[in-house]
């Protein structure tokens, strides 16, 4: 997607909001009972549009490949800020801690029930101190507003400028606002979550049969556990479990956000520098660049050659529909594409050189490239020739 296309989409969201707010003002609806005009409500419109465009440009340029995203899964325990091994007792205590011991679920047709009793009835007959089987769901957006388009359509009666001014006032009061500048630390729709990379063959559908086969439950216990896990999945499908439940994949931090239902982005979360520092800058200071270089200390996030082979094949076939078929490429060419796919999906690789000053960009690009290629060479000996070719500057095009 081009930069102009991103701006067009963002402006389209704001235009829908502006049209609605103008109509609401005339109809004396909600927050617009004081007859605010659309112009007053959106006097910072262009400034905020530019800000959001900078965020989406960042993820368009530095986000993960679709093949990677398709094999990332969320773990139930992370919903509570917890990792693997969550127990029924932990869920009950966290739920009560989050909602209060007297919190109730109110229904139109069913009698009210307390959160505590709901969870206790759910886990009746299940060992309360034993970890639940891990359930894995497809990676999703986790922001409260889901996407920019969704957010602006669910707060139609709120003035964008009013929301912005509240944020601005909060920053002024906390002495952390740089007057005249909007940045993502103050007004962002991104969200952080933990995700696990899992290959297709290591998962199977959540059902009674697979709980018996892979988790060794009796039929009765498997039926009960299936009911519990289906409830906890909260309607998200498909839900899967591991075929080898003792071999838990490592969890990694992912940032996510969406422009609309067709444009969703995910990226590895950086450890040494806040992403918001990159959104509104063409390049970083030398000190900031040195911080960003520390991202190269991270290990390769995915260490499966079979995955990278398949991911690169998927990318190539999508990008070269009218060209040479993947199966017809020489092995050397395939390996070059695979190396490039791994390199461009490594933590921080693109940001390190993309945000360097014009004077330092070539130097930082070389540092990043050399570091990542050396890691690829050690992790995947089959790609040694392709890595060495790129390290020597021969036949290592950045495609």
Protein backbone atom coordinates (compact mmCIF):
# COMPACT_ATOMS: atom_id res chain seq x y z
CA UNK A 1 0.00 0.00 0.00
CA UNK A 2 1.43 3.39 -0.96
CA UNK A 3 1.87 6.33 1.41
CA UNK A 4 -0.78 8.28 -0.51
CA UNK A 5 -3.19 5.35 -0.18
CA UNK A 6 -2.71 5.34 3.60
CA UNK A 7 -3.48 9.05 3.80
CA UNK A 8 -6.55 8.61 1.60
CA UNK A 9 -7.90 5.86 3.88
CA UNK A 10 -7.23 7.85 7.07
CA UNK A 11 -8.85 10.96 5.60
CA UNK A 12 -11.83 8.85 4.58
CA UNK A 13 -12.40 7.83 8.21
CA UNK A 14 -12.23 11.46 9.36
CA UNK A 15 -14.52 12.61 6.56
CA UNK A 16 -17.18 10.14 7.70
CA UNK A 17 -16.84 11.42 11.25
CA UNK A 18 -16.99 15.06 10.15
CA UNK A 19 -20.12 14.46 8.10
CA UNK A 20 -21.80 12.72 11.01
CA UNK A 21 -20.84 15.39 13.53
CA UNK A 22 -22.07 18.18 11.29
CA UNK A 23 -25.41 16.41 10.99
CA UNK A 24 -25.55 15.77 14.72
CA UNK A 25 -24.99 19.45 15.46
CA UNK A 26 -27.94 20.44 13.29
CA UNK A 27 -30.18 17.83 14.91
CA UNK A 28 -29.25 18.90 18.44
CA UNK A 29 -28.01 15.39 19.31
CA UNK A 30 -25.91 14.37 22.33
CA UNK A 31 -22.66 16.23 22.84
CA UNK A 32 -23.56 18.58 20.00
CA UNK A 33 -26.56 20.14 21.78
CA UNK A 34 -24.59 23.39 21.99
CA UNK A 35 -24.62 23.55 18.18
CA UNK A 36 -20.87 23.14 17.72
CA UNK A 37 -20.03 23.36 14.07
CA UNK A 38 -18.06 20.65 12.33
CA UNK A 39 -15.29 23.16 11.66
CA UNK A 40 -14.95 23.94 15.37
CA UNK A 41 -15.04 20.28 16.26
CA UNK A 42 -12.32 19.43 13.75
CA UNK A 43 -10.06 22.45 13.91
CA UNK A 44 -7.09 20.10 14.53
CA UNK A 45 -8.24 17.65 11.89
CA UNK A 46 -5.25 17.93 9.54
CA UNK A 47 -2.80 17.78 12.41
CA UNK A 48 -4.36 14.63 13.81
CA UNK A 49 -4.66 13.06 10.36
CA UNK A 50 -0.94 13.64 9.80
CA UNK A 51 -0.23 12.03 13.15
CA UNK A 52 -2.28 8.91 12.40
CA UNK A 53 -0.76 8.66 8.93
CA UNK A 54 2.70 8.61 10.51
CA UNK A 55 1.67 5.68 12.72
CA UNK A 56 0.25 3.63 9.88
CA UNK A 57 3.23 4.42 7.66
CA UNK A 58 5.50 3.04 10.39
CA UNK A 59 3.65 -0.27 10.49
CA UNK A 60 3.28 -0.46 6.73
CA UNK A 61 7.06 -0.18 6.41
CA UNK A 62 8.15 -2.16 9.47
CA UNK A 63 5.34 -4.64 10.05
CA UNK A 64 5.52 -8.41 9.89
CA UNK A 65 4.88 -10.42 6.74
CA UNK A 66 1.43 -11.98 6.41
CA UNK A 67 2.92 -15.48 6.50
CA UNK A 68 4.40 -14.74 9.93
CA UNK A 69 1.18 -13.20 11.26
CA UNK A 70 -0.85 -16.19 10.07
CA UNK A 71 1.19 -18.47 12.34
CA UNK A 72 1.18 -16.31 15.45
CA UNK A 73 -1.26 -17.26 18.20
CA UNK A 74 -2.40 -15.68 21.44
CA UNK A 75 -2.48 -17.62 24.70
CA UNK A 76 -5.45 -17.39 27.04
CA UNK A 77 -3.41 -16.57 30.15
CA UNK A 78 -2.05 -13.38 28.58
CA UNK A 79 -5.58 -11.93 28.72
CA UNK A 80 -4.88 -11.52 32.44
CA UNK A 81 -1.30 -10.38 32.03
CA UNK A 82 -0.30 -13.96 32.81
CA UNK A 83 1.69 -16.42 30.73
CA UNK A 84 1.58 -20.19 30.52
CA UNK A 85 0.31 -22.39 33.34
CA UNK A 86 -2.74 -20.44 34.47
CA UNK A 87 -4.97 -22.36 36.92
CA UNK A 88 -8.72 -22.09 37.62
CA UNK A 89 -7.96 -20.58 41.04
CA UNK A 90 -5.77 -17.95 39.40
CA UNK A 91 -8.52 -17.06 36.92
CA UNK A 92 -11.07 -16.75 39.74
CA UNK A 93 -8.79 -14.53 41.85
CA UNK A 94 -7.78 -12.38 38.87
CA UNK A 95 -11.41 -12.02 37.79
CA UNK A 96 -12.49 -10.94 41.27
CA UNK A 97 -9.51 -8.63 41.52
CA UNK A 98 -10.40 -7.01 38.20
CA UNK A 99 -14.16 -6.65 38.74
CA UNK A 100 -14.53 -6.70 42.53
CA UNK A 101 -15.83 -9.42 44.84
CA UNK A 102 -19.42 -8.13 44.57
CA UNK A 103 -19.45 -7.72 40.78
CA UNK A 104 -22.42 -9.31 39.01
CA UNK A 105 -23.39 -10.17 35.47
CA UNK A 106 -26.82 -8.71 34.78
CA UNK A 107 -29.04 -10.33 32.17
CA UNK A 108 -32.42 -9.37 30.71
CA UNK A 109 -33.89 -12.85 30.94
CA UNK A 110 -31.57 -14.74 33.31
CA UNK A 111 -31.14 -13.96 37.02
CA UNK A 112 -28.10 -11.91 38.05
CA UNK A 113 -25.04 -13.98 38.96
CA UNK A 114 -21.83 -12.91 40.70
CA UNK A 115 -18.53 -13.17 38.86
CA UNK A 116 -17.23 -15.41 41.63
CA UNK A 117 -20.14 -17.86 41.40
CA UNK A 118 -19.96 -17.89 37.61
CA UNK A 119 -16.32 -18.99 37.60
CA UNK A 120 -16.82 -21.41 40.47
CA UNK A 121 -19.69 -23.11 38.64
CA UNK A 122 -17.65 -23.12 35.42
CA UNK A 123 -14.77 -24.94 37.09
CA UNK A 124 -16.91 -27.34 39.11
CA UNK A 125 -15.36 -30.78 38.89
CA UNK A 126 -12.02 -29.39 37.59
CA UNK A 127 -8.85 -29.43 39.71
CA UNK A 128 -8.55 -25.80 40.80
CA UNK A 129 -4.78 -25.74 41.34
CA UNK A 130 -3.80 -27.68 38.20
CA UNK A 131 -2.78 -25.67 35.10
CA UNK A 132 -5.39 -25.73 32.35
CA UNK A 133 -4.45 -27.03 28.90
CA UNK A 134 -3.08 -24.14 26.86
CA UNK A 135 -5.46 -22.94 24.17
CA UNK A 136 -4.23 -20.97 21.17
CA UNK A 137 -6.30 -18.51 19.17
CA UNK A 138 -5.42 -16.60 15.99
CA UNK A 139 -3.61 -13.30 16.52
CA UNK A 140 -6.09 -10.45 16.82
CA UNK A 141 -6.17 -6.74 17.36
CA UNK A 142 -6.49 -6.05 21.07
CA UNK A 143 -6.96 -2.30 21.33
CA UNK A 144 -10.16 -1.15 23.00
CA UNK A 145 -11.18 0.48 19.73
CA UNK A 146 -9.95 -2.37 17.45
CA UNK A 147 -9.41 -0.16 14.41
CA UNK A 148 -9.35 3.54 13.66
CA UNK A 149 -12.51 3.17 11.59
CA UNK A 150 -14.29 1.21 14.34
CA UNK A 151 -13.21 3.67 17.02
CA UNK A 152 -14.55 6.69 15.20
CA UNK A 153 -17.81 4.98 14.39
CA UNK A 154 -18.47 3.99 18.00
CA UNK A 155 -17.75 7.45 19.40
CA UNK A 156 -19.64 9.37 16.76
CA UNK A 157 -21.04 11.86 19.24
CA UNK A 158 -17.67 12.80 20.70
CA UNK A 159 -15.67 15.60 19.14
CA UNK A 160 -12.26 14.47 17.90
CA UNK A 161 -10.91 17.84 18.93
CA UNK A 162 -12.46 17.44 22.38
CA UNK A 163 -10.77 14.08 22.84
CA UNK A 164 -7.49 15.56 21.69
CA UNK A 165 -7.79 18.54 24.05
CA UNK A 166 -8.40 16.21 27.01
CA UNK A 167 -5.24 14.33 26.17
CA UNK A 168 -3.39 17.61 25.76
CA UNK A 169 -4.61 18.92 29.11
CA UNK A 170 -3.58 15.70 30.83
CA UNK A 171 -0.08 15.98 29.41
CA UNK A 172 0.23 19.66 30.39
CA UNK A 173 -0.84 18.82 33.94
CA UNK A 174 1.77 16.09 34.12
CA UNK A 175 4.43 18.38 32.64
CA UNK A 176 5.15 15.90 29.87
CA UNK A 177 3.56 17.62 26.89
CA UNK A 178 5.68 19.22 24.21
CA UNK A 179 3.31 22.01 23.22
CA UNK A 180 2.29 22.01 19.59
CA UNK A 181 3.33 18.43 18.94
CA UNK A 182 1.14 15.34 18.87
CA UNK A 183 2.83 12.01 19.37
CA UNK A 184 1.74 8.48 19.95
CA UNK A 185 2.71 8.40 23.61
CA UNK A 186 -0.25 10.72 24.19
CA UNK A 187 -2.78 9.57 21.63
CA UNK A 188 -2.25 6.09 20.29
CA UNK A 189 -4.44 3.18 19.24
CA UNK A 190 -1.68 0.57 19.25
CA UNK A 191 -1.72 -2.29 21.74
CA UNK A 192 0.88 -4.72 23.03
CA UNK A 193 0.24 -8.43 23.46
CA UNK A 194 2.14 -11.68 23.81
CA UNK A 195 2.06 -14.16 20.96
CA UNK A 196 3.59 -17.53 20.15
CA UNK A 197 4.82 -18.74 16.78
CA UNK A 198 3.55 -22.25 16.09
CA UNK A 199 3.87 -24.27 12.90
CA UNK A 200 0.71 -25.64 11.35
CA UNK A 201 1.57 -29.27 12.04
CA UNK A 202 2.10 -28.72 15.78
CA UNK A 203 -1.53 -27.76 16.44
CA UNK A 204 -4.85 -29.58 16.32
CA UNK A 205 -8.45 -28.44 16.84
CA UNK A 206 -9.80 -28.16 20.37
CA UNK A 207 -12.26 -31.01 20.81
CA UNK A 208 -12.95 -33.88 23.21
CA UNK A 209 -11.18 -36.43 21.04
CA UNK A 210 -7.92 -34.45 20.88
CA UNK A 211 -7.99 -33.70 24.62
CA UNK A 212 -8.15 -37.43 25.22
CA UNK A 213 -5.46 -38.21 22.65
CA UNK A 214 -2.87 -35.54 23.42
CA UNK A 215 -3.65 -34.56 27.03
CA UNK A 216 -4.60 -38.06 28.17
CA UNK A 217 -7.94 -37.10 29.74
CA UNK A 218 -10.63 -39.66 30.33
CA UNK A 219 -13.71 -39.20 28.18
CA UNK A 220 -15.68 -37.69 31.06
CA UNK A 221 -12.90 -35.27 32.04
CA UNK A 222 -12.27 -34.37 28.40
CA UNK A 223 -15.93 -33.39 27.93
CA UNK A 224 -15.83 -31.19 31.02
CA UNK A 225 -12.52 -29.59 30.03
CA UNK A 226 -13.78 -28.99 26.50
CA UNK A 227 -16.76 -27.10 27.94
CA UNK A 228 -14.45 -24.98 30.14
CA UNK A 229 -11.95 -24.15 27.41
CA UNK A 230 -14.66 -23.34 24.87
CA UNK A 231 -16.15 -20.85 27.32
CA UNK A 232 -12.75 -19.28 28.00
CA UNK A 233 -12.09 -18.93 24.27
CA UNK A 234 -14.79 -16.23 24.35
CA UNK A 235 -16.24 -17.01 20.94
CA UNK A 236 -12.96 -16.64 19.05
CA UNK A 237 -12.46 -19.34 16.42
CA UNK A 238 -10.65 -21.47 15.55
CA UNK A 239 -9.28 -22.55 18.93
CA UNK A 240 -6.44 -25.06 18.90
CA UNK A 241 -4.28 -27.04 21.30
CA UNK A 242 -0.75 -28.42 21.02
CA UNK A 243 -0.13 -31.97 19.94
CA UNK A 244 2.89 -31.97 22.29
CA UNK A 245 1.53 -30.00 25.26
CA UNK A 246 4.80 -30.11 27.21
CA UNK A 247 6.70 -28.35 24.42
CA UNK A 248 5.45 -24.81 24.89
CA UNK A 249 6.64 -22.27 22.31
CA UNK A 250 8.28 -19.06 23.61
CA UNK A 251 6.09 -15.97 23.95
CA UNK A 252 7.07 -12.77 22.17
CA UNK A 253 5.75 -9.23 22.43
CA UNK A 254 3.74 -8.00 19.46
CA UNK A 255 2.33 -4.55 18.71
CA UNK A 256 -0.93 -4.40 16.79
CA UNK A 257 -3.27 -1.81 15.32
CA UNK A 258 -5.76 -1.48 12.49
CA UNK A 259 -6.88 1.18 10.07
CA UNK A 260 -9.99 -0.71 8.99
CA UNK A 261 -11.04 -4.34 8.65
CA UNK A 262 -8.86 -4.80 5.57
CA UNK A 263 -5.73 -3.06 6.86
CA UNK A 264 -4.40 -4.56 10.09
CA UNK A 265 -0.77 -4.43 11.13
CA UNK A 266 1.50 -6.33 13.52
CA UNK A 267 5.15 -5.78 14.43
CA UNK A 268 7.65 -7.12 16.93
CA UNK A 269 7.72 -4.79 19.94
CA UNK A 270 11.11 -3.10 20.36
CA UNK A 271 12.87 -3.48 23.70
CA UNK A 272 15.34 -0.59 23.88
CA UNK A 273 13.42 2.31 22.35
CA UNK A 274 9.74 3.29 22.38
CA UNK A 275 8.05 3.02 19.01
CA UNK A 276 6.40 6.41 19.49
CA UNK A 277 9.86 7.95 19.18
CA UNK A 278 9.92 6.72 15.57
CA UNK A 279 6.43 7.68 14.39
CA UNK A 280 7.01 11.38 13.77
CA UNK A 281 10.68 11.40 12.87
CA UNK A 282 12.42 11.06 9.56
CA UNK A 283 15.60 10.04 11.33
CA UNK A 284 16.93 9.59 14.87
CA UNK A 285 19.75 11.25 16.72
CA UNK A 286 23.03 9.39 16.98
CA UNK A 287 22.29 8.44 20.62
CA UNK A 288 18.85 7.13 19.65
CA UNK A 289 20.37 5.15 16.80
CA UNK A 290 22.81 3.52 19.21
CA UNK A 291 19.85 2.49 21.37
CA UNK A 292 18.10 1.07 18.33
CA UNK A 293 21.20 -0.93 17.42
CA UNK A 294 20.77 -2.86 20.68
CA UNK A 295 17.67 -4.47 19.12
CA UNK A 296 20.14 -6.55 17.10
CA UNK A 297 20.97 -8.43 20.32
CA UNK A 298 17.60 -10.16 20.08
CA UNK A 299 17.68 -13.74 18.78
CA UNK A 300 16.00 -14.62 15.52
CA UNK A 301 12.31 -14.74 16.48
CA UNK A 302 11.52 -17.84 14.40
CA UNK A 303 13.99 -20.70 14.06
CA UNK A 304 12.17 -23.04 11.73
CA UNK A 305 13.64 -23.48 8.27
CA UNK A 306 10.57 -25.31 6.99
CA UNK A 307 8.46 -22.29 7.96
CA UNK A 308 10.73 -19.76 6.26
CA UNK A 309 10.78 -21.90 3.13
CA UNK A 310 6.98 -21.99 3.04
CA UNK A 311 6.61 -18.30 3.98
CA UNK A 312 8.98 -17.21 1.23
CA UNK A 313 7.20 -19.41 -1.30
CA UNK A 314 3.86 -17.81 -0.31
CA UNK A 315 5.32 -14.31 -0.60
CA UNK A 316 6.94 -15.06 -3.96
CA UNK A 317 3.81 -16.56 -5.51
CA UNK A 318 1.74 -13.58 -4.32
CA UNK A 319 4.28 -11.07 -5.66
CA UNK A 320 5.07 -12.79 -8.97
CA UNK A 321 1.75 -14.04 -10.24
CA UNK A 322 2.67 -13.32 -13.84
CA UNK A 323 6.32 -14.27 -13.57
CA UNK A 324 8.46 -17.34 -13.04
CA UNK A 325 6.99 -20.02 -10.78
CA UNK A 326 8.72 -20.76 -7.47
CA UNK A 327 9.27 -24.37 -8.43
CA UNK A 328 11.26 -23.26 -11.48
CA UNK A 329 13.70 -21.05 -9.55
CA UNK A 330 17.27 -22.17 -9.03
CA UNK A 331 18.12 -23.30 -5.50
CA UNK A 332 20.55 -20.40 -5.12
CA UNK A 333 17.79 -17.91 -6.01
CA UNK A 334 15.34 -19.54 -3.60
CA UNK A 335 17.90 -19.33 -0.82
CA UNK A 336 18.52 -15.65 -1.53
CA UNK A 337 14.81 -14.92 -1.23
CA UNK A 338 14.56 -16.96 2.00
CA UNK A 339 17.49 -15.07 3.55
CA UNK A 340 15.88 -11.75 2.63
CA UNK A 341 12.56 -12.87 4.13
CA UNK A 342 14.20 -13.81 7.45
CA UNK A 343 16.27 -10.64 7.49
CA UNK A 344 13.38 -8.26 6.91
CA UNK A 345 11.29 -9.97 9.61
CA UNK A 346 14.07 -9.83 12.23
CA UNK A 347 13.49 -7.64 15.29
CA UNK A 348 14.41 -4.03 14.59
CA UNK A 349 16.25 -4.72 11.32
CA UNK A 350 14.30 -2.30 9.11
CA UNK A 351 14.04 0.46 11.73
CA UNK A 352 17.79 0.54 12.43
CA UNK A 353 18.74 1.83 9.00
CA UNK A 354 15.45 3.40 7.95
CA UNK A 355 15.56 6.00 10.76
CA UNK A 356 19.27 6.78 10.55
CA UNK A 357 20.37 10.17 9.27
CA UNK A 358 21.32 10.42 5.60
CA UNK A 359 24.97 10.55 6.63
CA UNK A 360 24.75 7.39 8.81
CA UNK A 361 22.15 5.33 6.96
CA UNK A 362 24.60 3.30 4.90
CA UNK A 363 26.75 2.54 7.95
CA UNK A 364 23.80 1.43 10.10
CA UNK A 365 22.34 -0.61 7.26
CA UNK A 366 25.62 -2.47 6.93
CA UNK A 367 25.78 -3.09 10.70
CA UNK A 368 22.23 -4.41 10.79
CA UNK A 369 22.65 -6.53 7.69
CA UNK A 370 25.95 -8.08 8.82
CA UNK A 371 24.60 -8.93 12.28
CA UNK A 372 21.40 -10.55 11.03
CA UNK A 373 23.11 -12.44 8.20
CA UNK A 374 25.64 -13.87 10.65
CA UNK A 375 22.79 -15.11 12.86
CA UNK A 376 21.00 -16.65 9.86
CA UNK A 377 24.20 -18.38 8.76
CA UNK A 378 24.69 -19.94 12.21
CA UNK A 379 21.04 -20.95 12.64
CA UNK A 380 20.46 -22.27 9.10
CA UNK A 381 23.65 -23.80 7.64
CA UNK A 382 21.72 -24.72 4.49
CA UNK A 383 21.59 -20.96 3.73
CA UNK A 384 25.33 -20.43 4.26
CA UNK A 385 26.15 -19.75 0.61
CA UNK A 386 23.36 -17.18 0.25
CA UNK A 387 24.43 -15.46 3.49
CA UNK A 388 28.09 -15.35 2.48
CA UNK A 389 27.14 -13.94 -0.92
CA UNK A 390 25.25 -11.09 0.74
CA UNK A 391 28.01 -10.51 3.29
CA UNK A 392 30.50 -10.16 0.49
CA UNK A 393 28.18 -7.93 -1.51
CA UNK A 394 27.73 -10.44 -4.32
CA UNK A 395 24.25 -11.31 -5.58
CA UNK A 396 22.59 -10.14 -2.38
CA UNK A 397 19.96 -7.78 -3.69
CA UNK A 398 17.55 -6.40 -1.10
CA UNK A 399 14.38 -7.65 -2.74
